[in-house]
Amino acid sequence: MSSRSLGPTLIAVGFGIIVIPFLVMFVLAIGPLGWALLGGAVIVLGIVVSLRESTGYGDVNRTNRTNCDDCGARIDADADTCEYCGAAR
């Protein structure tokens, strides 16, 4: 007798017997517009996942920032001078 158990195979076959008819009914009932919407949703999901996995997504510098009193540029709140116009703070 083989060392591989028949249990997982029977479970998978049973699952397939239950799920496959529902998948066939879904495929037949969704229609062309449904497929277009489903495909669009998958594309949007793929874009979102790709953007979240891209390098630098979570590396945003979140230091406190304020506006320079002279030129209005966004600078670090603890900066002594404005990096754009050179004004002392």
PDB file of N, CA and C in Angstrom:
ATOM      1  N   MET A   1       0.840  -1.165   0.000  1.00  0.00           N
ATOM      2  CA  MET A   1       0.000   0.000   0.000  1.00  0.00           C
ATOM      3  C   MET A   1       0.889   1.234   0.000  1.00  0.00           C
ATOM      4  N   SER A   2       0.451   2.298  -0.665  1.00  0.00           N
ATOM      5  CA  SER A   2       1.266   3.509  -0.753  1.00  0.00           C
ATOM      6  C   SER A   2       1.205   4.279   0.560  1.00  0.00           C
ATOM      7  N   SER A   3       2.206   5.124   0.765  1.00  0.00           N
ATOM      8  CA  SER A   3       2.268   5.899   1.998  1.00  0.00           C
ATOM      9  C   SER A   3       1.377   7.139   1.923  1.00  0.00           C
ATOM     10  N   ARG A   4       0.843   7.408   0.762  1.00  0.00           N
ATOM     11  CA  ARG A   4       0.002   8.598   0.587  1.00  0.00           C
ATOM     12  C   ARG A   4      -1.435   8.272   0.975  1.00  0.00           C
ATOM     13  N   SER A   5      -2.045   9.134   1.765  1.00  0.00           N
ATOM     14  CA  SER A   5      -3.399   8.912   2.242  1.00  0.00           C
ATOM     15  C   SER A   5      -4.413   9.297   1.177  1.00  0.00           C
ATOM     16  N   LEU A   6      -5.502   8.590   1.138  1.00  0.00           N
ATOM     17  CA  LEU A   6      -6.565   8.848   0.184  1.00  0.00           C
ATOM     18  C   LEU A   6      -7.506   9.942   0.675  1.00  0.00           C
ATOM     19  N   GLY A   7      -7.440  10.262   1.962  1.00  0.00           N
ATOM     20  CA  GLY A   7      -8.343  11.254   2.568  1.00  0.00           C
ATOM     21  C   GLY A   7      -8.311  12.613   1.900  1.00  0.00           C
ATOM     22  N   PRO A   8      -7.128  13.252   1.754  1.00  0.00           N
ATOM     23  CA  PRO A   8      -7.089  14.569   1.121  1.00  0.00           C
ATOM     24  C   PRO A   8      -7.606  14.558  -0.318  1.00  0.00           C
ATOM     25  N   THR A   9      -7.365  13.479  -1.042  1.00  0.00           N
ATOM     26  CA  THR A   9      -7.856  13.378  -2.419  1.00  0.00           C
ATOM     27  C   THR A   9      -9.373  13.326  -2.436  1.00  0.00           C
ATOM     28  N   LEU A  10      -9.968  12.544  -1.535  1.00  0.00           N
ATOM     29  CA  LEU A  10     -11.424  12.462  -1.470  1.00  0.00           C
ATOM     30  C   LEU A  10     -12.044  13.792  -1.046  1.00  0.00           C
ATOM     31  N   ILE A  11     -11.389  14.478  -0.146  1.00  0.00           N
ATOM     32  CA  ILE A  11     -11.874  15.798   0.273  1.00  0.00           C
ATOM     33  C   ILE A  11     -11.856  16.759  -0.909  1.00  0.00           C
ATOM     34  N   ALA A  12     -10.780  16.765  -1.672  1.00  0.00           N
ATOM     35  CA  ALA A  12     -10.680  17.650  -2.836  1.00  0.00           C
ATOM     36  C   ALA A  12     -11.732  17.311  -3.884  1.00  0.00           C
ATOM     37  N   VAL A  13     -11.966  16.029  -4.136  1.00  0.00           N
ATOM     38  CA  VAL A  13     -12.983  15.618  -5.109  1.00  0.00           C
ATOM     39  C   VAL A  13     -14.366  16.045  -4.626  1.00  0.00           C
ATOM     40  N   GLY A  14     -14.657  15.848  -3.362  1.00  0.00           N
ATOM     41  CA  GLY A  14     -15.947  16.268  -2.804  1.00  0.00           C
ATOM     42  C   GLY A  14     -16.147  17.768  -2.913  1.00  0.00           C
ATOM     43  N   PHE A  15     -15.108  18.514  -2.605  1.00  0.00           N
ATOM     44  CA  PHE A  15     -15.165  19.965  -2.737  1.00  0.00           C
ATOM     45  C   PHE A  15     -15.428  20.359  -4.187  1.00  0.00           C
ATOM     46  N   GLY A  16     -14.758  19.707  -5.107  1.00  0.00           N
ATOM     47  CA  GLY A  16     -14.970  19.993  -6.530  1.00  0.00           C
ATOM     48  C   GLY A  16     -16.384  19.682  -6.976  1.00  0.00           C
ATOM     49  N   ILE A  17     -16.950  18.590  -6.477  1.00  0.00           N
ATOM     50  CA  ILE A  17     -18.322  18.220  -6.829  1.00  0.00           C
ATOM     51  C   ILE A  17     -19.312  19.278  -6.331  1.00  0.00           C
ATOM     52  N   ILE A  18     -19.029  19.856  -5.192  1.00  0.00           N
ATOM     53  CA  ILE A  18     -19.913  20.889  -4.642  1.00  0.00           C
ATOM     54  C   ILE A  18     -19.721  22.222  -5.366  1.00  0.00           C
ATOM     55  N   VAL A  19     -18.485  22.637  -5.622  1.00  0.00           N
ATOM     56  CA  VAL A  19     -18.185  23.977  -6.112  1.00  0.00           C
ATOM     57  C   VAL A  19     -18.343  24.118  -7.628  1.00  0.00           C
ATOM     58  N   ILE A  20     -17.960  23.126  -8.396  1.00  0.00           N
ATOM     59  CA  ILE A  20     -17.949  23.242  -9.862  1.00  0.00           C
ATOM     60  C   ILE A  20     -19.319  23.591 -10.441  1.00  0.00           C
ATOM     61  N   PRO A  21     -20.415  22.981 -10.008  1.00  0.00           N
ATOM     62  CA  PRO A  21     -21.711  23.389 -10.574  1.00  0.00           C
ATOM     63  C   PRO A  21     -22.054  24.856 -10.313  1.00  0.00           C
ATOM     64  N   PHE A  22     -21.704  25.351  -9.142  1.00  0.00           N
ATOM     65  CA  PHE A  22     -21.958  26.757  -8.847  1.00  0.00           C
ATOM     66  C   PHE A  22     -21.100  27.669  -9.726  1.00  0.00           C
ATOM     67  N   LEU A  23     -19.855  27.285  -9.976  1.00  0.00           N
ATOM     68  CA  LEU A  23     -19.001  28.072 -10.861  1.00  0.00           C
ATOM     69  C   LEU A  23     -19.557  28.092 -12.276  1.00  0.00           C
ATOM     70  N   VAL A  24     -20.058  26.959 -12.757  1.00  0.00           N
ATOM     71  CA  VAL A  24     -20.636  26.886 -14.101  1.00  0.00           C
ATOM     72  C   VAL A  24     -21.870  27.782 -14.183  1.00  0.00           C
ATOM     73  N   MET A  25     -22.734  27.729 -13.171  1.00  0.00           N
ATOM     74  CA  MET A  25     -23.921  28.588 -13.164  1.00  0.00           C
ATOM     75  C   MET A  25     -23.527  30.061 -13.134  1.00  0.00           C
ATOM     76  N   PHE A  26     -22.512  30.405 -12.388  1.00  0.00           N
ATOM     77  CA  PHE A  26     -22.048  31.788 -12.315  1.00  0.00           C
ATOM     78  C   PHE A  26     -21.531  32.248 -13.666  1.00  0.00           C
ATOM     79  N   VAL A  27     -20.739  31.415 -14.324  1.00  0.00           N
ATOM     80  CA  VAL A  27     -20.179  31.759 -15.628  1.00  0.00           C
ATOM     81  C   VAL A  27     -21.296  31.973 -16.644  1.00  0.00           C
ATOM     82  N   LEU A  28     -22.316  31.140 -16.607  1.00  0.00           N
ATOM     83  CA  LEU A  28     -23.408  31.265 -17.563  1.00  0.00           C
ATOM     84  C   LEU A  28     -24.322  32.439 -17.236  1.00  0.00           C
ATOM     85  N   ALA A  29     -24.447  32.816 -15.980  1.00  0.00           N
ATOM     86  CA  ALA A  29     -25.385  33.856 -15.581  1.00  0.00           C
ATOM     87  C   ALA A  29     -24.804  35.261 -15.603  1.00  0.00           C
ATOM     88  N   ILE A  30     -23.519  35.406 -15.589  1.00  0.00           N
ATOM     89  CA  ILE A  30     -22.919  36.730 -15.421  1.00  0.00           C
ATOM     90  C   ILE A  30     -23.054  37.605 -16.669  1.00  0.00           C
ATOM     91  N   GLY A  31     -22.982  37.062 -17.847  1.00  0.00           N
ATOM     92  CA  GLY A  31     -23.152  37.824 -19.080  1.00  0.00           C
ATOM     93  C   GLY A  31     -21.940  38.677 -19.407  1.00  0.00           C
ATOM     94  N   PRO A  32     -21.946  39.312 -20.595  1.00  0.00           N
ATOM     95  CA  PRO A  32     -20.791  40.104 -21.030  1.00  0.00           C
ATOM     96  C   PRO A  32     -20.510  41.321 -20.147  1.00  0.00           C
ATOM     97  N   LEU A  33     -21.559  42.025 -19.734  1.00  0.00           N
ATOM     98  CA  LEU A  33     -21.346  43.191 -18.880  1.00  0.00           C
ATOM     99  C   LEU A  33     -20.755  42.775 -17.534  1.00  0.00           C
ATOM    100  N   GLY A  34     -21.234  41.673 -17.012  1.00  0.00           N
ATOM    101  CA  GLY A  34     -20.683  41.170 -15.755  1.00  0.00           C
ATOM    102  C   GLY A  34     -19.215  40.824 -15.864  1.00  0.00           C
ATOM    103  N   TRP A  35     -18.833  40.217 -16.998  1.00  0.00           N
ATOM    104  CA  TRP A  35     -17.416  39.883 -17.197  1.00  0.00           C
ATOM    105  C   TRP A  35     -16.570  41.139 -17.316  1.00  0.00           C
ATOM    106  N   ALA A  36     -17.106  42.163 -17.988  1.00  0.00           N
ATOM    107  CA  ALA A  36     -16.364  43.427 -18.102  1.00  0.00           C
ATOM    108  C   ALA A  36     -16.186  44.060 -16.722  1.00  0.00           C
ATOM    109  N   LEU A  37     -17.238  44.057 -15.921  1.00  0.00           N
ATOM    110  CA  LEU A  37     -17.134  44.620 -14.568  1.00  0.00           C
ATOM    111  C   LEU A  37     -16.190  43.806 -13.680  1.00  0.00           C
ATOM    112  N   LEU A  38     -16.284  42.496 -13.783  1.00  0.00           N
ATOM    113  CA  LEU A  38     -15.390  41.634 -13.003  1.00  0.00           C
ATOM    114  C   LEU A  38     -13.934  41.841 -13.414  1.00  0.00           C
ATOM    115  N   GLY A  39     -13.688  41.905 -14.719  1.00  0.00           N
ATOM    116  CA  GLY A  39     -12.327  42.150 -15.195  1.00  0.00           C
ATOM    117  C   GLY A  39     -11.798  43.506 -14.759  1.00  0.00           C
ATOM    118  N   GLY A  40     -12.660  44.528 -14.828  1.00  0.00           N
ATOM    119  CA  GLY A  40     -12.252  45.861 -14.374  1.00  0.00           C
ATOM    120  C   GLY A  40     -11.929  45.882 -12.896  1.00  0.00           C
ATOM    121  N   ALA A  41     -12.724  45.172 -12.105  1.00  0.00           N
ATOM    122  CA  ALA A  41     -12.465  45.112 -10.668  1.00  0.00           C
ATOM    123  C   ALA A  41     -11.134  44.424 -10.379  1.00  0.00           C
ATOM    124  N   VAL A  42     -10.832  43.375 -11.118  1.00  0.00           N
ATOM    125  CA  VAL A  42      -9.555  42.678 -10.922  1.00  0.00           C
ATOM    126  C   VAL A  42      -8.389  43.571 -11.333  1.00  0.00           C
ATOM    127  N   ILE A  43      -8.553  44.344 -12.415  1.00  0.00           N
ATOM    128  CA  ILE A  43      -7.501  45.266 -12.846  1.00  0.00           C
ATOM    129  C   ILE A  43      -7.254  46.325 -11.776  1.00  0.00           C
ATOM    130  N   VAL A  44      -8.322  46.918 -11.248  1.00  0.00           N
ATOM    131  CA  VAL A  44      -8.175  47.939 -10.206  1.00  0.00           C
ATOM    132  C   VAL A  44      -7.512  47.348  -8.963  1.00  0.00           C
ATOM    133  N   LEU A  45      -7.931  46.155  -8.575  1.00  0.00           N
ATOM    134  CA  LEU A  45      -7.313  45.488  -7.435  1.00  0.00           C
ATOM    135  C   LEU A  45      -5.825  45.240  -7.687  1.00  0.00           C
ATOM    136  N   GLY A  46      -5.466  44.823  -8.901  1.00  0.00           N
ATOM    137  CA  GLY A  46      -4.064  44.603  -9.246  1.00  0.00           C
ATOM    138  C   GLY A  46      -3.246  45.879  -9.167  1.00  0.00           C
ATOM    139  N   ILE A  47      -3.826  46.987  -9.625  1.00  0.00           N
ATOM    140  CA  ILE A  47      -3.122  48.271  -9.567  1.00  0.00           C
ATOM    141  C   ILE A  47      -2.895  48.681  -8.121  1.00  0.00           C
ATOM    142  N   VAL A  48      -3.927  48.548  -7.292  1.00  0.00           N
ATOM    143  CA  VAL A  48      -3.800  48.923  -5.882  1.00  0.00           C
ATOM    144  C   VAL A  48      -2.739  48.077  -5.185  1.00  0.00           C
ATOM    145  N   VAL A  49      -2.762  46.783  -5.416  1.00  0.00           N
ATOM    146  CA  VAL A  49      -1.776  45.896  -4.794  1.00  0.00           C
ATOM    147  C   VAL A  49      -0.371  46.232  -5.285  1.00  0.00           C
ATOM    148  N   SER A  50      -0.223  46.496  -6.578  1.00  0.00           N
ATOM    149  CA  SER A  50       1.089  46.837  -7.120  1.00  0.00           C
ATOM    150  C   SER A  50       1.620  48.126  -6.518  1.00  0.00           C
ATOM    151  N   LEU A  51       0.756  49.122  -6.373  1.00  0.00           N
ATOM    152  CA  LEU A  51       1.196  50.390  -5.792  1.00  0.00           C
ATOM    153  C   LEU A  51       1.583  50.223  -4.326  1.00  0.00           C
ATOM    154  N   ARG A  52       0.819  49.425  -3.596  1.00  0.00           N
ATOM    155  CA  ARG A  52       1.141  49.227  -2.182  1.00  0.00           C
ATOM    156  C   ARG A  52       2.427  48.443  -1.990  1.00  0.00           C
ATOM    157  N   GLU A  53       2.746  47.551  -2.935  1.00  0.00           N
ATOM    158  CA  GLU A  53       3.963  46.757  -2.822  1.00  0.00           C
ATOM    159  C   GLU A  53       5.185  47.472  -3.389  1.00  0.00           C
ATOM    160  N   SER A  54       4.985  48.587  -4.082  1.00  0.00           N
ATOM    161  CA  SER A  54       6.116  49.283  -4.692  1.00  0.00           C
ATOM    162  C   SER A  54       7.007  49.866  -3.606  1.00  0.00           C
ATOM    163  N   THR A  55       8.288  50.006  -3.935  1.00  0.00           N
ATOM    164  CA  THR A  55       9.240  50.531  -2.968  1.00  0.00           C
ATOM    165  C   THR A  55       8.935  51.991  -2.694  1.00  0.00           C
ATOM    166  N   GLY A  56       9.083  52.366  -1.457  1.00  0.00           N
ATOM    167  CA  GLY A  56       8.876  53.747  -1.069  1.00  0.00           C
ATOM    168  C   GLY A  56       7.452  54.069  -0.670  1.00  0.00           C
ATOM    169  N   TYR A  57       6.528  53.130  -0.746  1.00  0.00           N
ATOM    170  CA  TYR A  57       5.138  53.424  -0.391  1.00  0.00           C
ATOM    171  C   TYR A  57       5.013  53.782   1.090  1.00  0.00           C
ATOM    172  N   GLY A  58       5.627  53.011   1.947  1.00  0.00           N
ATOM    173  CA  GLY A  58       5.516  53.256   3.381  1.00  0.00           C
ATOM    174  C   GLY A  58       6.655  54.083   3.941  1.00  0.00           C
ATOM    175  N   ASP A  59       7.570  54.549   3.078  1.00  0.00           N
ATOM    176  CA  ASP A  59       8.740  55.280   3.544  1.00  0.00           C
ATOM    177  C   ASP A  59       8.553  56.789   3.504  1.00  0.00           C
ATOM    178  N   VAL A  60       7.321  57.252   3.588  1.00  0.00           N
ATOM    179  CA  VAL A  60       7.057  58.679   3.521  1.00  0.00           C
ATOM    180  C   VAL A  60       7.567  59.336   4.794  1.00  0.00           C
ATOM    181  N   ASN A  61       8.307  60.426   4.627  1.00  0.00           N
ATOM    182  CA  ASN A  61       8.818  61.165   5.770  1.00  0.00           C
ATOM    183  C   ASN A  61       7.664  61.936   6.406  1.00  0.00           C
ATOM    184  N   ARG A  62       7.318  61.596   7.619  1.00  0.00           N
ATOM    185  CA  ARG A  62       6.159  62.189   8.263  1.00  0.00           C
ATOM    186  C   ARG A  62       6.573  63.167   9.376  1.00  0.00           C
ATOM    187  N   THR A  63       7.662  63.895   9.196  1.00  0.00           N
ATOM    188  CA  THR A  63       8.071  64.870  10.191  1.00  0.00           C
ATOM    189  C   THR A  63       7.098  66.042  10.173  1.00  0.00           C
ATOM    190  N   ASN A  64       7.074  66.760  11.289  1.00  0.00           N
ATOM    191  CA  ASN A  64       6.205  67.933  11.370  1.00  0.00           C
ATOM    192  C   ASN A  64       6.705  69.019  10.439  1.00  0.00           C
ATOM    193  N   ARG A  65       5.783  69.586   9.666  1.00  0.00           N
ATOM    194  CA  ARG A  65       6.152  70.626   8.712  1.00  0.00           C
ATOM    195  C   ARG A  65       5.298  71.861   8.967  1.00  0.00           C
ATOM    196  N   THR A  66       5.809  72.992   8.571  1.00  0.00           N
ATOM    197  CA  THR A  66       5.097  74.260   8.698  1.00  0.00           C
ATOM    198  C   THR A  66       5.433  75.129   7.493  1.00  0.00           C
ATOM    199  N   ASN A  67       4.766  76.246   7.359  1.00  0.00           N
ATOM    200  CA  ASN A  67       5.048  77.167   6.260  1.00  0.00           C
ATOM    201  C   ASN A  67       6.061  78.213   6.712  1.00  0.00           C
ATOM    202  N   CYS A  68       6.962  78.562   5.799  1.00  0.00           N
ATOM    203  CA  CYS A  68       7.925  79.637   6.055  1.00  0.00           C
ATOM    204  C   CYS A  68       7.146  80.954   6.145  1.00  0.00           C
ATOM    205  N   ASP A  69       7.516  81.810   7.116  1.00  0.00           N
ATOM    206  CA  ASP A  69       6.826  83.086   7.293  1.00  0.00           C
ATOM    207  C   ASP A  69       7.087  84.042   6.142  1.00  0.00           C
ATOM    208  N   ASP A  70       8.254  83.912   5.470  1.00  0.00           N
ATOM    209  CA  ASP A  70       8.592  84.840   4.401  1.00  0.00           C
ATOM    210  C   ASP A  70       8.084  84.386   3.033  1.00  0.00           C
ATOM    211  N   CYS A  71       8.401  83.135   2.641  1.00  0.00           N
ATOM    212  CA  CYS A  71       8.065  82.700   1.278  1.00  0.00           C
ATOM    213  C   CYS A  71       6.888  81.722   1.220  1.00  0.00           C
ATOM    214  N   GLY A  72       6.479  81.168   2.364  1.00  0.00           N
ATOM    215  CA  GLY A  72       5.342  80.253   2.396  1.00  0.00           C
ATOM    216  C   GLY A  72       5.666  78.815   2.028  1.00  0.00           C
ATOM    217  N   ALA A  73       6.920  78.474   1.802  1.00  0.00           N
ATOM    218  CA  ALA A  73       7.308  77.106   1.437  1.00  0.00           C
ATOM    219  C   ALA A  73       7.132  76.180   2.631  1.00  0.00           C
ATOM    220  N   ARG A  74       6.866  74.909   2.373  1.00  0.00           N
ATOM    221  CA  ARG A  74       6.748  73.911   3.435  1.00  0.00           C
ATOM    222  C   ARG A  74       8.146  73.505   3.892  1.00  0.00           C
ATOM    223  N   ILE A  75       8.427  73.700   5.161  1.00  0.00           N
ATOM    224  CA  ILE A  75       9.735  73.372   5.723  1.00  0.00           C
ATOM    225  C   ILE A  75       9.529  72.606   7.027  1.00  0.00           C
ATOM    226  N   ASP A  76      10.602  71.977   7.513  1.00  0.00           N
ATOM    227  CA  ASP A  76      10.539  71.273   8.780  1.00  0.00           C
ATOM    228  C   ASP A  76      10.219  72.258   9.895  1.00  0.00           C
ATOM    229  N   ALA A  77       9.387  71.843  10.836  1.00  0.00           N
ATOM    230  CA  ALA A  77       8.973  72.733  11.921  1.00  0.00           C
ATOM    231  C   ALA A  77      10.138  73.112  12.820  1.00  0.00           C
ATOM    232  N   ASP A  78      11.154  72.254  12.913  1.00  0.00           N
ATOM    233  CA  ASP A  78      12.287  72.552  13.790  1.00  0.00           C
ATOM    234  C   ASP A  78      13.485  73.159  13.042  1.00  0.00           C
ATOM    235  N   ALA A  79      13.297  73.562  11.785  1.00  0.00           N
ATOM    236  CA  ALA A  79      14.399  74.155  11.009  1.00  0.00           C
ATOM    237  C   ALA A  79      14.690  75.564  11.510  1.00  0.00           C
ATOM    238  N   ASP A  80      15.997  75.930  11.518  1.00  0.00           N
ATOM    239  CA  ASP A  80      16.394  77.269  11.952  1.00  0.00           C
ATOM    240  C   ASP A  80      16.256  78.286  10.820  1.00  0.00           C
ATOM    241  N   THR A  81      16.466  77.819   9.581  1.00  0.00           N
ATOM    242  CA  THR A  81      16.326  78.697   8.417  1.00  0.00           C
ATOM    243  C   THR A  81      15.498  77.972   7.353  1.00  0.00           C
ATOM    244  N   CYS A  82      14.903  78.770   6.477  1.00  0.00           N
ATOM    245  CA  CYS A  82      14.129  78.207   5.370  1.00  0.00           C
ATOM    246  C   CYS A  82      15.102  77.681   4.322  1.00  0.00           C
ATOM    247  N   GLU A  83      14.906  76.470   3.872  1.00  0.00           N
ATOM    248  CA  GLU A  83      15.808  75.887   2.892  1.00  0.00           C
ATOM    249  C   GLU A  83      15.587  76.461   1.490  1.00  0.00           C
ATOM    250  N   TYR A  84      14.505  77.220   1.305  1.00  0.00           N
ATOM    251  CA  TYR A  84      14.223  77.778  -0.021  1.00  0.00           C
ATOM    252  C   TYR A  84      14.660  79.239  -0.134  1.00  0.00           C
ATOM    253  N   CYS A  85      14.272  80.065   0.852  1.00  0.00           N
ATOM    254  CA  CYS A  85      14.622  81.474   0.734  1.00  0.00           C
ATOM    255  C   CYS A  85      15.741  81.899   1.692  1.00  0.00           C
ATOM    256  N   GLY A  86      16.093  81.040   2.659  1.00  0.00           N
ATOM    257  CA  GLY A  86      17.185  81.329   3.576  1.00  0.00           C
ATOM    258  C   GLY A  86      16.803  82.195   4.757  1.00  0.00           C
ATOM    259  N   ALA A  87      15.532  82.517   4.894  1.00  0.00           N
ATOM    260  CA  ALA A  87      15.091  83.386   5.995  1.00  0.00           C
ATOM    261  C   ALA A  87      15.260  82.661   7.330  1.00  0.00           C
ATOM    262  N   ALA A  88      15.706  83.431   8.356  1.00  0.00           N
ATOM    263  CA  ALA A  88      15.861  82.886   9.697  1.00  0.00           C
ATOM    264  C   ALA A  88      14.489  82.770  10.334  1.00  0.00           C
ATOM    265  N   ARG A  89      14.318  81.763  11.145  1.00  0.00           N
ATOM    266  CA  ARG A  89      13.021  81.555  11.800  1.00  0.00           C
ATOM    267  C   ARG A  89      13.104  81.963  13.242  1.00  0.00           C
TER     268      ARG A  89
END
